[in-house]
């Protein structure tokens, strides 16, 4: 693996900007451990664990042994054996990761051009109100819960989980510290949350995480029983508008699959590469 050298790539400047973001965004809640050609982010405090990724300044090679050593460190720390990187910027990492025994998932990497017009929310969704949430929003627990229900039933088709499951999951989020952690990040300007709310419950929600002039939209998920109503696009549009209001110039995301990528393309996102996530194989 070489350091990020994209001289022959038409999007080299943009991809390098994203690499800088990937290195910066975990720093608000993690410490950095350097392991040769790889960087491991270790969360400090409660919250979702981070991952390992390529060290941008590394100019040597990477091997399955390098990956295996980081995996051993992740096990020692009690965190998932997980790696994330962009295929186009670190092409030689994939064979080393695969040789180590991890499974790689591909996700379309998409960016919204700075001059792209975002549809009005009313053009995308009817019914639920779509808003950027404040720290005291009563629907915040459900906004934190709904993406978990969405990702448990992947795809874009109408699913099973509905309001009853959402209510139960929201109670869990209100009790496990998730709300307090989210509020802390919101007040610090590290995270913004948007949701489509109906009858006091968030049927769809997502976040963006700004670092300087770049922000990634993450965790957009719709309650499976409420799909096919345009809620995901409406929430995404709200997040983009909020990011731009904060001075963000580059908004990007990783789509779950090609079907989801086509949905985001409807509001102007275009594919510039492939985000790769490597994880431990699931047991049968």
Protein backbone atom coordinates (compact mmCIF):
# COMPACT_ATOMS: atom_id res chain seq x y z
CA UNK A 1 0.00 0.00 0.00
CA UNK A 2 1.22 3.47 -0.78
CA UNK A 3 0.21 6.76 0.75
CA UNK A 4 -2.67 8.59 -0.90
CA UNK A 5 -1.33 9.35 -4.37
CA UNK A 6 -4.13 10.06 -6.81
CA UNK A 7 -2.34 11.85 -9.62
CA UNK A 8 -4.10 9.76 -12.27
CA UNK A 9 -7.56 9.93 -10.71
CA UNK A 10 -9.96 12.63 -11.98
CA UNK A 11 -11.30 13.13 -8.45
CA UNK A 12 -7.90 13.12 -6.73
CA UNK A 13 -8.36 16.44 -4.91
CA UNK A 14 -11.80 15.50 -3.64
CA UNK A 15 -10.76 12.01 -2.54
CA UNK A 16 -7.77 13.44 -0.69
CA UNK A 17 -10.12 15.87 1.07
CA UNK A 18 -12.20 12.90 2.20
CA UNK A 19 -9.08 11.11 3.43
CA UNK A 20 -8.26 14.09 5.62
CA UNK A 21 -11.81 13.99 6.98
CA UNK A 22 -11.63 10.26 7.73
CA UNK A 23 -8.50 10.88 9.78
CA UNK A 24 -9.99 13.87 11.63
CA UNK A 25 -13.57 12.88 12.45
CA UNK A 26 -12.80 10.20 15.09
CA UNK A 27 -10.51 12.52 17.04
CA UNK A 28 -13.36 14.10 19.01
CA UNK A 29 -13.86 10.82 20.86
CA UNK A 30 -10.89 8.54 20.27
CA UNK A 31 -7.17 8.22 20.73
CA UNK A 32 -4.88 7.20 17.90
CA UNK A 33 -2.62 4.16 17.87
CA UNK A 34 -0.17 3.81 15.02
CA UNK A 35 0.64 0.27 13.88
CA UNK A 36 3.05 0.55 10.97
CA UNK A 37 0.99 1.12 7.83
CA UNK A 38 -2.29 1.20 9.76
CA UNK A 39 -3.96 3.60 12.17
CA UNK A 40 -6.28 2.32 14.90
CA UNK A 41 -8.80 4.67 16.50
CA UNK A 42 -9.71 3.64 20.05
CA UNK A 43 -12.80 5.24 21.54
CA UNK A 44 -12.37 6.94 24.88
CA UNK A 45 -15.59 6.76 26.89
CA UNK A 46 -18.96 5.32 25.91
CA UNK A 47 -20.24 5.08 22.35
CA UNK A 48 -19.93 3.13 19.14
CA UNK A 49 -16.42 1.67 18.68
CA UNK A 50 -14.16 2.93 15.93
CA UNK A 51 -12.04 1.04 13.39
CA UNK A 52 -8.62 0.82 11.79
CA UNK A 53 -7.71 2.45 8.49
CA UNK A 54 -4.63 3.17 6.35
CA UNK A 55 -2.05 5.59 7.67
CA UNK A 56 -2.00 8.41 5.13
CA UNK A 57 1.68 9.21 5.49
CA UNK A 58 2.84 5.60 5.05
CA UNK A 59 4.86 5.00 1.88
CA UNK A 60 5.79 1.34 2.32
CA UNK A 61 3.90 -1.90 1.81
CA UNK A 62 1.18 -3.58 3.84
CA UNK A 63 0.79 -7.29 4.47
CA UNK A 64 -1.69 -9.71 5.97
CA UNK A 65 0.65 -9.85 8.98
CA UNK A 66 0.18 -6.10 9.52
CA UNK A 67 -3.59 -6.56 9.43
CA UNK A 68 -3.43 -9.58 11.75
CA UNK A 69 -1.42 -7.64 14.32
CA UNK A 70 -4.01 -4.86 14.40
CA UNK A 71 -6.79 -7.43 14.69
CA UNK A 72 -5.01 -8.91 17.70
CA UNK A 73 -4.85 -5.45 19.26
CA UNK A 74 -8.57 -4.94 18.62
CA UNK A 75 -9.35 -8.23 20.35
CA UNK A 76 -7.12 -7.21 23.26
CA UNK A 77 -9.10 -3.99 23.59
CA UNK A 78 -12.42 -5.82 23.31
CA UNK A 79 -13.53 -3.92 20.20
CA UNK A 80 -14.71 -5.25 16.82
CA UNK A 81 -12.13 -6.38 14.30
CA UNK A 82 -13.04 -3.73 11.75
CA UNK A 83 -11.25 -1.80 8.99
CA UNK A 84 -12.59 1.00 6.79
CA UNK A 85 -10.98 2.62 3.76
CA UNK A 86 -11.59 3.86 0.21
CA UNK A 87 -10.72 1.44 -2.58
CA UNK A 88 -9.37 4.09 -4.92
CA UNK A 89 -6.97 5.65 -2.42
CA UNK A 90 -5.55 2.45 -0.88
CA UNK A 91 -5.96 -0.28 -3.51
CA UNK A 92 -3.29 -2.62 -2.08
CA UNK A 93 -4.98 -2.93 1.31
CA UNK A 94 -7.78 -5.15 0.07
CA UNK A 95 -5.70 -8.27 -0.71
CA UNK A 96 -3.92 -8.01 2.66
CA UNK A 97 -7.24 -7.74 4.50
CA UNK A 98 -8.77 -10.63 2.56
CA UNK A 99 -5.71 -12.79 3.20
CA UNK A 100 -6.10 -12.13 6.91
CA UNK A 101 -9.58 -13.69 6.83
CA UNK A 102 -11.89 -10.71 7.10
CA UNK A 103 -14.95 -10.24 4.89
CA UNK A 104 -15.16 -7.03 2.84
CA UNK A 105 -18.38 -5.16 2.08
CA UNK A 106 -18.54 -2.61 -0.75
CA UNK A 107 -20.54 0.62 -0.53
CA UNK A 108 -20.92 3.29 -3.22
CA UNK A 109 -19.08 6.44 -2.11
CA UNK A 110 -21.10 9.47 -3.19
CA UNK A 111 -20.62 13.22 -3.04
CA UNK A 112 -22.91 16.18 -3.58
CA UNK A 113 -21.39 18.92 -5.69
CA UNK A 114 -21.28 22.30 -4.00
CA UNK A 115 -23.54 23.93 -6.60
CA UNK A 116 -26.12 21.11 -6.67
CA UNK A 117 -29.66 22.28 -5.93
CA UNK A 118 -31.50 20.36 -3.21
CA UNK A 119 -35.25 19.77 -3.68
CA UNK A 120 -37.60 21.36 -1.20
CA UNK A 121 -38.63 18.92 1.51
CA UNK A 122 -42.27 19.25 0.43
CA UNK A 123 -41.28 17.86 -2.98
CA UNK A 124 -39.90 14.72 -1.35
CA UNK A 125 -42.31 13.84 1.41
CA UNK A 126 -45.86 14.37 2.57
CA UNK A 127 -47.20 13.88 6.05
CA UNK A 128 -44.46 13.82 8.69
CA UNK A 129 -42.70 17.07 9.45
CA UNK A 130 -38.97 17.01 8.75
CA UNK A 131 -36.77 19.02 11.08
CA UNK A 132 -33.31 19.42 12.49
CA UNK A 133 -33.59 18.31 16.09
CA UNK A 134 -32.60 20.34 19.11
CA UNK A 135 -31.11 18.86 22.29
CA UNK A 136 -34.49 18.99 24.05
CA UNK A 137 -36.58 17.56 21.21
CA UNK A 138 -39.01 15.00 22.69
CA UNK A 139 -38.67 12.81 19.59
CA UNK A 140 -34.89 12.48 19.97
CA UNK A 141 -34.96 8.97 21.57
CA UNK A 142 -36.99 7.62 18.65
CA UNK A 143 -34.68 9.40 16.18
CA UNK A 144 -31.72 7.55 17.68
CA UNK A 145 -33.62 4.25 17.70
CA UNK A 146 -35.13 4.16 14.23
CA UNK A 147 -31.90 3.65 12.21
CA UNK A 148 -31.13 0.52 14.24
CA UNK A 149 -34.51 -0.95 13.31
CA UNK A 150 -33.93 0.07 9.69
CA UNK A 151 -30.52 -1.57 9.42
CA UNK A 152 -31.83 -4.75 11.05
CA UNK A 153 -34.13 -5.08 8.01
CA UNK A 154 -31.89 -3.98 5.12
CA UNK A 155 -33.20 -3.01 1.72
CA UNK A 156 -35.64 -0.46 0.39
CA UNK A 157 -38.85 -2.49 0.52
CA UNK A 158 -41.55 -2.11 3.17
CA UNK A 159 -40.62 -4.24 6.17
CA UNK A 160 -42.06 -5.61 9.39
CA UNK A 161 -40.86 -3.42 12.26
CA UNK A 162 -43.39 -0.69 13.02
CA UNK A 163 -44.49 1.73 15.71
CA UNK A 164 -44.63 -0.85 18.49
CA UNK A 165 -41.05 -1.89 17.92
CA UNK A 166 -40.00 1.75 17.59
CA UNK A 167 -41.60 2.67 20.91
CA UNK A 168 -39.75 -0.15 22.67
CA UNK A 169 -36.45 0.76 21.04
CA UNK A 170 -36.90 4.45 21.93
CA UNK A 171 -37.33 3.55 25.60
CA UNK A 172 -34.07 1.61 25.43
CA UNK A 173 -32.22 4.57 23.88
CA UNK A 174 -33.59 6.89 26.53
CA UNK A 175 -32.21 4.62 29.27
CA UNK A 176 -28.82 3.52 27.94
CA UNK A 177 -27.07 6.87 27.74
CA UNK A 178 -27.45 7.28 23.99
CA UNK A 179 -29.52 10.43 24.31
CA UNK A 180 -27.05 12.09 26.67
CA UNK A 181 -24.14 11.29 24.36
CA UNK A 182 -26.02 12.61 21.33
CA UNK A 183 -27.00 15.81 23.14
CA UNK A 184 -23.39 16.40 24.14
CA UNK A 185 -22.23 16.06 20.53
CA UNK A 186 -25.07 18.25 19.24
CA UNK A 187 -24.21 21.03 21.67
CA UNK A 188 -20.53 20.79 20.72
CA UNK A 189 -21.38 21.12 17.02
CA UNK A 190 -20.02 17.65 16.24
CA UNK A 191 -23.29 16.08 15.15
CA UNK A 192 -26.57 17.30 13.68
CA UNK A 193 -29.65 15.06 13.62
CA UNK A 194 -32.63 15.36 11.29
CA UNK A 195 -35.86 13.40 11.55
CA UNK A 196 -39.23 12.97 9.90
CA UNK A 197 -41.62 13.09 12.85
CA UNK A 198 -45.24 12.00 12.97
CA UNK A 199 -47.36 11.90 16.13
CA UNK A 200 -44.26 12.50 18.24
CA UNK A 201 -42.23 9.61 16.79
CA UNK A 202 -39.35 9.77 14.31
CA UNK A 203 -40.24 7.52 11.38
CA UNK A 204 -36.89 8.28 9.72
CA UNK A 205 -33.72 9.91 11.00
CA UNK A 206 -30.09 10.49 10.11
CA UNK A 207 -27.06 12.55 11.06
CA UNK A 208 -24.23 14.54 9.60
CA UNK A 209 -20.88 15.12 11.29
CA UNK A 210 -19.08 18.30 10.19
CA UNK A 211 -15.34 18.78 10.39
CA UNK A 212 -14.41 22.13 8.92
CA UNK A 213 -15.76 22.39 5.38
CA UNK A 214 -16.53 18.65 5.03
CA UNK A 215 -19.36 16.60 6.50
CA UNK A 216 -20.49 13.00 6.10
CA UNK A 217 -24.15 12.02 6.21
CA UNK A 218 -24.47 8.84 8.24
CA UNK A 219 -27.08 6.53 9.68
CA UNK A 220 -30.08 7.57 7.58
CA UNK A 221 -32.70 4.92 8.26
CA UNK A 222 -36.47 4.65 7.85
CA UNK A 223 -38.77 2.56 10.02
CA UNK A 224 -39.29 -0.54 7.85
CA UNK A 225 -43.08 -0.29 7.98
CA UNK A 226 -42.89 3.37 6.85
CA UNK A 227 -40.71 2.90 3.76
CA UNK A 228 -41.57 3.98 0.23
CA UNK A 229 -42.80 7.40 1.37
CA UNK A 230 -39.76 9.48 0.44
CA UNK A 231 -38.76 10.01 4.06
CA UNK A 232 -35.11 9.06 3.59
CA UNK A 233 -34.66 11.62 0.83
CA UNK A 234 -36.47 14.28 2.85
CA UNK A 235 -34.23 13.70 5.86
CA UNK A 236 -31.13 13.69 3.66
CA UNK A 237 -32.17 16.99 2.07
CA UNK A 238 -32.62 18.51 5.54
CA UNK A 239 -29.17 17.33 6.58
CA UNK A 240 -27.60 18.81 3.45
CA UNK A 241 -29.33 22.15 4.03
CA UNK A 242 -28.13 22.19 7.64
CA UNK A 243 -24.58 21.31 6.62
CA UNK A 244 -24.51 24.12 4.09
CA UNK A 245 -25.85 26.55 6.69
CA UNK A 246 -22.78 25.67 8.80
CA UNK A 247 -20.38 26.52 5.99
CA UNK A 248 -19.80 22.96 4.78
CA UNK A 249 -18.71 22.78 1.14
CA UNK A 250 -18.27 19.03 0.67
CA UNK A 251 -21.13 16.71 1.70
CA UNK A 252 -20.68 12.98 1.13
CA UNK A 253 -22.03 9.60 2.18
CA UNK A 254 -21.59 5.87 1.71
CA UNK A 255 -24.74 4.20 0.37
CA UNK A 256 -25.75 0.79 1.63
CA UNK A 257 -25.93 -0.71 -1.86
CA UNK A 258 -26.59 0.21 -5.48
CA UNK A 259 -30.36 0.49 -4.94
CA UNK A 260 -29.83 2.98 -2.13
CA UNK A 261 -27.25 4.82 -4.25
CA UNK A 262 -29.85 5.29 -6.98
CA UNK A 263 -32.15 6.85 -4.39
CA UNK A 264 -29.49 9.37 -3.36
CA UNK A 265 -28.74 10.12 -7.00
CA UNK A 266 -32.28 11.50 -7.26
CA UNK A 267 -31.24 14.51 -5.17
CA UNK A 268 -27.90 15.07 -6.85
CA UNK A 269 -25.37 12.77 -5.20
CA UNK A 270 -22.94 11.17 -7.62
CA UNK A 271 -20.60 8.24 -7.17
CA UNK A 272 -16.88 8.96 -6.95
CA UNK A 273 -15.54 5.68 -5.58
CA UNK A 274 -16.13 2.68 -3.33
CA UNK A 275 -16.00 2.67 0.45
CA UNK A 276 -14.85 -0.67 1.87
CA UNK A 277 -15.67 -2.08 5.30
CA UNK A 278 -13.96 -5.25 6.49
CA UNK A 279 -15.38 -7.23 9.39
CA UNK A 280 -15.06 -10.58 11.05
CA UNK A 281 -17.09 -13.23 9.19
CA UNK A 282 -20.47 -13.95 10.70
CA UNK A 283 -20.89 -17.42 12.11
CA UNK A 284 -23.38 -19.66 10.29
